[in-house]
C-alpha atoms as a PDB file:
ATOM      1  CA  MET A   1     -30.267  33.075  13.588  1.00  0.00           C
ATOM      2  CA  VAL A   2     -33.523  34.906  14.431  1.00  0.00           C
ATOM      3  CA  ILE A   3     -35.506  33.746  17.482  1.00  0.00           C
ATOM      4  CA  VAL A   4     -39.169  34.800  17.657  1.00  0.00           C
ATOM      5  CA  GLY A   5     -41.512  34.386  20.575  1.00  0.00           C
ATOM      6  CA  CYS A   6     -42.428  35.251  24.194  1.00  0.00           C
ATOM      7  CA  GLY A   7     -39.699  35.668  26.626  1.00  0.00           C
ATOM      8  CA  GLY A   8     -41.980  34.261  29.330  1.00  0.00           C
ATOM      9  CA  SER A   9     -41.300  35.138  33.038  1.00  0.00           C
ATOM     10  CA  ASP A  10     -37.553  35.778  32.643  1.00  0.00           C
ATOM     11  CA  GLY A  11     -38.200  39.293  31.486  1.00  0.00           C
ATOM     12  CA  GLY A  12     -37.517  38.744  27.773  1.00  0.00           C
ATOM     13  CA  VAL A  13     -34.044  37.208  28.055  1.00  0.00           C
ATOM     14  CA  VAL A  14     -33.679  34.218  25.787  1.00  0.00           C
ATOM     15  CA  PRO A  15     -31.148  31.525  27.031  1.00  0.00           C
ATOM     16  CA  PRO A  16     -28.275  30.737  24.744  1.00  0.00           C
ATOM     17  CA  PRO A  17     -28.795  27.549  22.531  1.00  0.00           C
ATOM     18  CA  PRO A  18     -27.087  24.441  23.653  1.00  0.00           C
ATOM     19  CA  PRO A  19     -23.770  23.882  22.223  1.00  0.00           C
ATOM     20  CA  ALA A  20     -23.522  21.952  18.971  1.00  0.00           C
ATOM     21  CA  PRO A  21     -22.428  18.390  19.316  1.00  0.00           C
ATOM     22  CA  GLU A  22     -18.739  17.908  18.353  1.00  0.00           C
ATOM     23  CA  PRO A  23     -17.775  15.371  15.749  1.00  0.00           C
ATOM     24  CA  SER A  24     -16.244  12.272  17.196  1.00  0.00           C
ATOM     25  CA  VAL A  25     -14.793   8.950  15.996  1.00  0.00           C
ATOM     26  CA  ASN A  26     -15.540   5.517  17.539  1.00  0.00           C
ATOM     27  CA  GLN A  27     -12.227   4.864  19.256  1.00  0.00           C
ATOM     28  CA  SER A  28     -13.008   1.228  19.102  1.00  0.00           C
ATOM     29  CA  LEU A  29     -12.213   1.376  15.560  1.00  0.00           C
ATOM     30  CA  PHE A  30      -8.629   2.178  16.197  1.00  0.00           C
ATOM     31  CA  PHE A  31      -7.803   0.457  19.412  1.00  0.00           C
ATOM     32  CA  SER A  32      -8.048  -2.997  20.907  1.00  0.00           C
ATOM     33  CA  GLY A  33      -7.807  -2.201  24.624  1.00  0.00           C
ATOM     34  CA  PRO A  34      -5.106   0.335  24.944  1.00  0.00           C
ATOM     35  CA  ILE A  35      -3.145  -0.956  21.970  1.00  0.00           C
ATOM     36  CA  PRO A  36      -3.849   0.613  18.520  1.00  0.00           C
ATOM     37  CA  LYS A  37      -4.815  -1.787  15.891  1.00  0.00           C
ATOM     38  CA  PRO A  38      -2.542  -2.081  12.921  1.00  0.00           C
ATOM     39  CA  GLY A  39      -3.382  -0.395   9.684  1.00  0.00           C
ATOM     40  CA  LEU A  40      -4.101  -2.767   6.863  1.00  0.00           C
ATOM     41  CA  LEU A  41      -2.585  -2.287   3.156  1.00  0.00           C
ATOM     42  CA  GLN A  42      -4.095  -4.324   0.541  1.00  0.00           C
ATOM     43  CA  VAL A  43      -1.904  -4.248  -2.514  1.00  0.00           C
ATOM     44  CA  THR A  44      -3.473  -5.724  -5.674  1.00  0.00           C
ATOM     45  CA  TYR A  45      -1.286  -6.710  -8.591  1.00  0.00           C
ATOM     46  CA  ASP A  46      -3.102  -6.505 -11.817  1.00  0.00           C
ATOM     47  CA  THR A  47      -1.202  -8.048 -14.698  1.00  0.00           C
ATOM     48  CA  GLY A  48      -1.299  -8.748 -18.402  1.00  0.00           C
ATOM     49  CA  GLN A  49      -1.525  -7.160 -21.925  1.00  0.00           C
ATOM     50  CA  GLY A  50      -3.299 -10.165 -23.225  1.00  0.00           C
ATOM     51  CA  ARG A  51      -1.663 -12.998 -25.174  1.00  0.00           C
ATOM     52  CA  ALA A  52      -2.946 -15.742 -27.573  1.00  0.00           C
ATOM     53  CA  GLY A  53      -2.735 -19.404 -26.415  1.00  0.00           C
ATOM     54  CA  GLY A  54       0.745 -21.032 -27.143  1.00  0.00           C
ATOM     55  CA  ASP A  55       2.669 -17.800 -26.538  1.00  0.00           C
ATOM     56  CA  PRO A  56       5.701 -18.211 -24.431  1.00  0.00           C
ATOM     57  CA  LEU A  57       5.244 -18.124 -20.546  1.00  0.00           C
ATOM     58  CA  TYR A  58       5.750 -14.915 -18.680  1.00  0.00           C
ATOM     59  CA  THR A  59       5.483 -15.023 -14.745  1.00  0.00           C
ATOM     60  CA  ALA A  60       6.833 -13.174 -11.911  1.00  0.00           C
ATOM     61  CA  ASN A  61       7.058 -14.533  -8.300  1.00  0.00           C
ATOM     62  CA  ILE A  62       6.301 -12.097  -5.441  1.00  0.00           C
ATOM     63  CA  ARG A  63       7.228 -13.312  -2.030  1.00  0.00           C
ATOM     64  CA  ARG A  64       7.168 -10.144   0.135  1.00  0.00           C
ATOM     65  CA  LEU A  65       5.525  -6.760   0.163  1.00  0.00           C
ATOM     66  CA  VAL A  66       7.703  -3.957   1.579  1.00  0.00           C
ATOM     67  CA  ILE A  67       6.735  -0.215   2.277  1.00  0.00           C
ATOM     68  CA  GLU A  68       8.671   2.361   4.118  1.00  0.00           C
ATOM     69  CA  ASP A  69       8.090   5.716   6.092  1.00  0.00           C
ATOM     70  CA  ASP A  70      10.341   7.880   8.186  1.00  0.00           C
ATOM     71  CA  VAL A  71       8.548   7.910  11.480  1.00  0.00           C
ATOM     72  CA  TYR A  72      11.700   6.767  13.396  1.00  0.00           C
ATOM     73  CA  GLY A  73      13.844   9.251  11.416  1.00  0.00           C
ATOM     74  CA  PHE A  74      15.641   8.839   8.075  1.00  0.00           C
ATOM     75  CA  GLY A  75      17.322   5.384   7.492  1.00  0.00           C
ATOM     76  CA  HIS A  76      16.157   3.783  10.611  1.00  0.00           C
ATOM     77  CA  PRO A  77      15.464   0.004  10.003  1.00  0.00           C
ATOM     78  CA  ASP A  78      12.114   0.103  12.002  1.00  0.00           C
ATOM     79  CA  ASN A  79      10.674   2.360   9.260  1.00  0.00           C
ATOM     80  CA  VAL A  80      10.530  -0.746   6.997  1.00  0.00           C
ATOM     81  CA  VAL A  81       7.360  -2.785   7.177  1.00  0.00           C
ATOM     82  CA  ARG A  82       7.121  -6.107   5.319  1.00  0.00           C
ATOM     83  CA  THR A  83       4.922  -9.066   5.130  1.00  0.00           C
ATOM     84  CA  LEU A  84       5.844 -12.077   7.301  1.00  0.00           C
ATOM     85  CA  LEU A  85       5.117 -15.816   6.428  1.00  0.00           C
ATOM     86  CA  ASN A  86       3.385 -14.541   3.149  1.00  0.00           C
ATOM     87  CA  PRO A  87       2.525 -17.157   0.556  1.00  0.00           C
ATOM     88  CA  GLU A  88       4.332 -16.595  -2.716  1.00  0.00           C
ATOM     89  CA  ARG A  89       2.178 -15.221  -5.538  1.00  0.00           C
ATOM     90  CA  VAL A  90       2.843 -16.429  -9.098  1.00  0.00           C
ATOM     91  CA  LEU A  91       1.657 -13.442 -11.343  1.00  0.00           C
ATOM     92  CA  GLY A  92       0.960 -14.335 -14.876  1.00  0.00           C
ATOM     93  CA  LEU A  93       2.562 -11.314 -16.621  1.00  0.00           C
ATOM     94  CA  ASP A  94       0.975 -11.973 -20.013  1.00  0.00           C
ATOM     95  CA  GLN A  95      -2.480 -12.781 -18.696  1.00  0.00           C
ATOM     96  CA  TYR A  96      -5.246 -10.698 -17.075  1.00  0.00           C
ATOM     97  CA  THR A  97      -5.004 -11.699 -13.437  1.00  0.00           C
ATOM     98  CA  SER A  98      -5.586  -9.896 -10.241  1.00  0.00           C
ATOM     99  CA  GLN A  99      -3.981 -10.960  -6.907  1.00  0.00           C
ATOM    100  CA  THR A 100      -3.986  -9.266  -3.613  1.00  0.00           C
ATOM    101  CA  VAL A 101      -1.239  -9.194  -0.891  1.00  0.00           C
ATOM    102  CA  ASP A 102      -2.173  -7.872   2.606  1.00  0.00           C
ATOM    103  CA  LEU A 103       0.220  -6.079   4.873  1.00  0.00           C
ATOM    104  CA  ASN A 104      -0.470  -5.012   8.402  1.00  0.00           C
ATOM    105  CA  ALA A 105       1.400  -1.975   9.494  1.00  0.00           C
ATOM    106  CA  PRO A 106       1.885  -1.594  13.326  1.00  0.00           C
ATOM    107  CA  MET A 107       0.856   1.404  15.141  1.00  0.00           C
ATOM    108  CA  THR A 108       2.599   0.585  18.369  1.00  0.00           C
ATOM    109  CA  GLY A 109       6.126   0.832  19.620  1.00  0.00           C
ATOM    110  CA  PHE A 110       6.227   4.547  19.705  1.00  0.00           C
ATOM    111  CA  SER A 111       6.177   6.948  22.630  1.00  0.00           C
ATOM    112  CA  ILE A 112       2.567   7.775  22.044  1.00  0.00           C
ATOM    113  CA  PRO A 113       0.006   5.730  20.016  1.00  0.00           C
ATOM    114  CA  MET A 114       0.121   6.509  16.363  1.00  0.00           C
ATOM    115  CA  ASN A 115      -3.165   7.755  14.655  1.00  0.00           C
ATOM    116  CA  ARG A 116      -1.749   7.220  11.345  1.00  0.00           C
ATOM    117  CA  ARG A 117       1.340   6.281   9.226  1.00  0.00           C
ATOM    118  CA  ALA A 118       2.300   8.073   5.986  1.00  0.00           C
ATOM    119  CA  PHE A 119       4.339   5.744   3.769  1.00  0.00           C
ATOM    120  CA  ASP A 120       6.452   7.285   1.101  1.00  0.00           C
ATOM    121  CA  GLN A 121       8.370   4.200  -0.455  1.00  0.00           C
ATOM    122  CA  PHE A 122       7.078   0.927  -2.105  1.00  0.00           C
ATOM    123  CA  ASN A 123       9.697  -1.698  -2.825  1.00  0.00           C
ATOM    124  CA  LEU A 124       8.780  -3.783  -5.970  1.00  0.00           C
ATOM    125  CA  GLU A 125      10.540  -7.060  -4.746  1.00  0.00           C
ATOM    126  CA  ILE A 126      10.458  -9.814  -7.408  1.00  0.00           C
ATOM    127  CA  GLU A 127      11.989 -13.190  -6.467  1.00  0.00           C
ATOM    128  CA  SER A 128      12.305 -14.655  -9.817  1.00  0.00           C
ATOM    129  CA  VAL A 129      10.735 -14.129 -13.378  1.00  0.00           C
ATOM    130  CA  VAL A 130      10.082 -16.567 -16.241  1.00  0.00           C
ATOM    131  CA  TRP A 131      10.299 -14.431 -19.449  1.00  0.00           C
ATOM    132  CA  ASP A 132      10.058 -15.925 -22.867  1.00  0.00           C
ATOM    133  CA  ASP A 133      10.301 -19.452 -21.302  1.00  0.00           C
ATOM    134  CA  VAL A 134      13.602 -18.600 -19.620  1.00  0.00           C
ATOM    135  CA  GLN A 135      13.837 -18.615 -15.822  1.00  0.00           C
ATOM    136  CA  TYR A 136      15.695 -15.776 -14.108  1.00  0.00           C
ATOM    137  CA  ASN A 137      16.430 -16.116 -10.404  1.00  0.00           C
ATOM    138  CA  GLY A 138      17.819 -14.014  -7.521  1.00  0.00           C
ATOM    139  CA  THR A 139      20.327 -15.460  -5.078  1.00  0.00           C
ATOM    140  CA  PRO A 140      19.223 -17.192  -1.866  1.00  0.00           C
ATOM    141  CA  SER A 141      19.856 -13.941   0.074  1.00  0.00           C
ATOM    142  CA  GLN A 142      18.644 -11.476  -2.485  1.00  0.00           C
ATOM    143  CA  SER A 143      15.645 -11.113  -4.762  1.00  0.00           C
ATOM    144  CA  LEU A 144      16.087 -10.768  -8.534  1.00  0.00           C
ATOM    145  CA  PHE A 145      14.595  -7.264  -8.466  1.00  0.00           C
ATOM    146  CA  ASN A 146      14.235  -5.004  -5.381  1.00  0.00           C
ATOM    147  CA  ILE A 147      13.324  -1.550  -6.765  1.00  0.00           C
ATOM    148  CA  PRO A 148      12.102   1.283  -4.509  1.00  0.00           C
ATOM    149  CA  PHE A 149       9.500   3.595  -5.959  1.00  0.00           C
ATOM    150  CA  ASN A 150       7.919   6.791  -4.557  1.00  0.00           C
ATOM    151  CA  LEU A 151       4.647   6.090  -2.785  1.00  0.00           C
ATOM    152  CA  ASN A 152       1.914   8.433  -1.125  1.00  0.00           C
ATOM    153  CA  CYS A 153      -0.035   6.239   1.149  1.00  0.00           C
ATOM    154  CA  THR A 154      -1.417   6.843   4.502  1.00  0.00           C
ATOM    155  CA  LEU A 155      -2.524   3.986   6.827  1.00  0.00           C
ATOM    156  CA  LEU A 156      -4.877   4.395   9.780  1.00  0.00           C
ATOM    157  CA  PRO A 157      -5.236   2.146  12.738  1.00  0.00           C
ATOM    158  CA  GLY A 158      -8.100  -0.390  12.357  1.00  0.00           C
ATOM    159  CA  ARG A 159      -8.599   0.770   8.663  1.00  0.00           C
ATOM    160  CA  THR A 160      -7.910  -0.705   5.274  1.00  0.00           C
ATOM    161  CA  SER A 161      -6.085   1.201   2.459  1.00  0.00           C
ATOM    162  CA  SER A 162      -5.781  -0.180  -1.022  1.00  0.00           C
ATOM    163  CA  ILE A 163      -3.276   0.354  -3.944  1.00  0.00           C
ATOM    164  CA  THR A 164      -3.211  -1.254  -7.273  1.00  0.00           C
ATOM    165  CA  VAL A 165       0.095  -2.160  -8.827  1.00  0.00           C
ATOM    166  CA  PHE A 166       0.136  -2.823 -12.689  1.00  0.00           C
ATOM    167  CA  LEU A 167       2.593  -5.257 -14.093  1.00  0.00           C
ATOM    168  CA  HIS A 168       3.016  -6.888 -17.320  1.00  0.00           C
ATOM    169  CA  ASP A 169       5.682  -8.765 -19.491  1.00  0.00           C
ATOM    170  CA  ALA A 170       6.737  -5.713 -21.566  1.00  0.00           C
ATOM    171  CA  MET A 171       8.245  -4.207 -18.418  1.00  0.00           C
ATOM    172  CA  PHE A 172      11.011  -6.639 -18.674  1.00  0.00           C
ATOM    173  CA  GLU A 173      13.676  -7.298 -21.314  1.00  0.00           C
ATOM    174  CA  PRO A 174      16.963  -9.327 -21.607  1.00  0.00           C
ATOM    175  CA  ASP A 175      20.022  -7.331 -21.070  1.00  0.00           C
ATOM    176  CA  GLY A 176      22.044  -9.208 -23.659  1.00  0.00           C
ATOM    177  CA  VAL A 177      24.473 -11.003 -21.326  1.00  0.00           C
ATOM    178  CA  GLY A 178      22.113 -13.566 -19.863  1.00  0.00           C
ATOM    179  CA  GLY A 179      20.263 -11.446 -17.485  1.00  0.00           C
ATOM    180  CA  LEU A 180      17.092  -9.433 -17.307  1.00  0.00           C
ATOM    181  CA  ASN A 181      16.317  -5.885 -17.000  1.00  0.00           C
ATOM    182  CA  PHE A 182      13.312  -4.159 -15.423  1.00  0.00           C
ATOM    183  CA  LEU A 183      12.060  -0.996 -17.193  1.00  0.00           C
ATOM    184  CA  ASN A 184      11.323   1.460 -14.428  1.00  0.00           C
ATOM    185  CA  ALA A 185       9.975   4.114 -16.840  1.00  0.00           C
ATOM    186  CA  ASP A 186       7.359   1.669 -18.272  1.00  0.00           C
ATOM    187  CA  PHE A 187       6.307   0.791 -14.800  1.00  0.00           C
ATOM    188  CA  GLU A 188       5.894   4.501 -13.827  1.00  0.00           C
ATOM    189  CA  VAL A 189       3.797   5.297 -16.837  1.00  0.00           C
ATOM    190  CA  LEU A 190       1.196   2.701 -15.784  1.00  0.00           C
ATOM    191  CA  ASN A 191       1.402   3.110 -12.044  1.00  0.00           C
ATOM    192  CA  TYR A 192       2.035   6.932 -11.314  1.00  0.00           C
ATOM    193  CA  ASP A 193      -0.658   9.625 -11.395  1.00  0.00           C
ATOM    194  CA  PRO A 194       0.433  11.920 -14.113  1.00  0.00           C
ATOM    195  CA  ILE A 195      -0.484  15.020 -11.927  1.00  0.00           C
ATOM    196  CA  ASP A 196       0.258  13.937  -8.591  1.00  0.00           C
END
């Protein structure tokens, strides 16, 4: 920087410029009083490959959304964050639909307030499936499918993050003995970034 001009009565000495303002974040976005706001995760389930009218019915019932990090240390139960009192979603696997489930991840309960949580696991939890007009159910204490998938998702207090989960009927197939299989590899092809 070059400064040109008269030094005036101070004998030619130019005072230093004022310090540049430092970037700041409005803390009210993150805190409600002294308590950090939760981080909101919105998971949108996009379904369907497209089917003609009169085709068999294909649906999946989603009751809970579950994500996990390791903020408390590996294997600690408080690493798991799940929806509570969430209405069940019926996803039309053979139809083009889009339904969103919200999940608030707490940023409290730690020795210091959390400014972020980095989740590394998404559990695809499906209560029941109607596939080719046949109903497949889990047990009263266990979902039909509860499959962990790797996740790279950071939540910030008072902010919303979004992920999209693609799901359709061809990701399921009968196992030949009265059950239903979920094809993890087909799910990963549609839902994983091929580079990251």
